Amino acid sequence: MTEQKRIPRMCGIDQIAEMFGISRYYARQLALSGKVAAVRVGRGKILVNADSVAAFFDDARIGSESQESPRIIPIPRAL
């Protein structure tokens, strides 16, 4: 039997903001900074991995230093 790969749930900035109760600006900054997994899929369109946002908030603590994953590379602002 072949191993099935799990397809990540990708959402637009507006969907992520609504899903997690954050502003569109903050959702975009999380993606652009590389704190969550995201990909650019056209001019100005960014898709964000919803599971990585959930993991980011699960690990977030008030007053703690943010620890970025070394595997996540920030999205370049210009193509």
Protein backbone atom coordinates (compact mmCIF):
# COMPACT_ATOMS: atom_id res chain seq x y z
CA MET A 1 0.00 0.00 0.00
CA THR A 2 1.37 3.44 -0.89
CA GLU A 3 1.79 6.13 1.69
CA GLN A 4 -0.63 9.04 1.28
CA LYS A 5 0.78 12.51 1.69
CA ARG A 6 -1.23 14.97 3.70
CA ILE A 7 -2.18 18.05 1.70
CA PRO A 8 -1.87 21.19 3.84
CA ARG A 9 -4.91 23.42 4.32
CA MET A 10 -3.98 26.69 2.66
CA CYS A 11 -6.06 29.84 3.11
CA GLY A 12 -5.90 33.43 1.94
CA ILE A 13 -4.97 36.29 4.27
CA ASP A 14 -8.63 37.29 4.77
CA GLN A 15 -9.64 33.72 5.68
CA ILE A 16 -6.74 33.35 8.14
CA ALA A 17 -7.58 36.68 9.78
CA GLU A 18 -11.22 35.68 10.23
CA MET A 19 -10.42 32.11 11.31
CA PHE A 20 -8.02 33.19 14.08
CA GLY A 21 -9.62 36.51 15.05
CA ILE A 22 -6.64 38.64 14.03
CA SER A 23 -6.32 41.63 11.72
CA ARG A 24 -5.53 41.20 8.03
CA TYR A 25 -2.39 43.26 8.59
CA TYR A 26 -1.13 40.93 11.36
CA ALA A 27 -1.94 37.82 9.30
CA ARG A 28 0.04 39.24 6.39
CA GLN A 29 2.97 40.18 8.64
CA LEU A 30 3.12 36.65 10.07
CA ALA A 31 3.34 35.30 6.52
CA LEU A 32 5.88 37.85 5.23
CA SER A 33 8.13 37.49 8.28
CA GLY A 34 8.31 33.71 7.94
CA LYS A 35 6.78 33.05 11.37
CA VAL A 36 4.16 30.87 9.65
CA ALA A 37 4.40 28.80 6.47
CA ALA A 38 3.10 30.66 3.41
CA VAL A 39 3.56 30.82 -0.34
CA ARG A 40 3.03 33.54 -2.91
CA VAL A 41 0.73 32.35 -5.71
CA GLY A 42 0.56 35.32 -8.00
CA ARG A 43 0.78 39.06 -7.83
CA GLY A 44 -0.04 40.00 -4.27
CA LYS A 45 -1.83 36.71 -3.47
CA ILE A 46 -0.46 34.85 -0.46
CA LEU A 47 -1.70 31.49 0.77
CA VAL A 48 -0.99 30.65 4.40
CA ASN A 49 -0.80 27.19 5.94
CA ALA A 50 -3.59 27.25 8.56
CA ASP A 51 -1.95 24.51 10.64
CA SER A 52 1.25 26.56 10.97
CA VAL A 53 -0.77 29.55 12.22
CA ALA A 54 -2.48 27.32 14.80
CA ALA A 55 0.93 25.97 15.88
CA PHE A 56 2.27 29.55 16.11
CA PHE A 57 -0.52 30.54 18.49
CA ASP A 58 -0.25 27.27 20.43
CA ASP A 59 3.42 28.05 21.13
CA ALA A 60 2.90 31.79 21.78
CA ARG A 61 3.40 33.05 25.31
CA ILE A 62 3.16 36.61 26.62
CA GLY A 63 6.60 37.98 27.39
CA SER A 64 8.53 35.16 25.72
CA GLU A 65 10.95 35.54 22.86
CA SER A 66 9.53 34.33 19.55
CA GLN A 67 11.31 31.29 18.22
CA GLU A 68 11.20 31.09 14.44
CA SER A 69 11.46 27.72 12.81
CA PRO A 70 14.71 27.43 10.83
CA ARG A 71 12.83 25.59 8.05
CA ILE A 72 10.55 28.51 7.23
CA ILE A 73 11.97 31.13 4.86
CA PRO A 74 10.31 34.58 4.69
CA ILE A 75 8.48 35.47 1.47
CA PRO A 76 10.39 38.09 -0.55
CA ARG A 77 8.42 41.34 -0.76
CA ALA A 78 9.17 41.90 -4.46
CA LEU A 79 9.23 39.26 -7.18
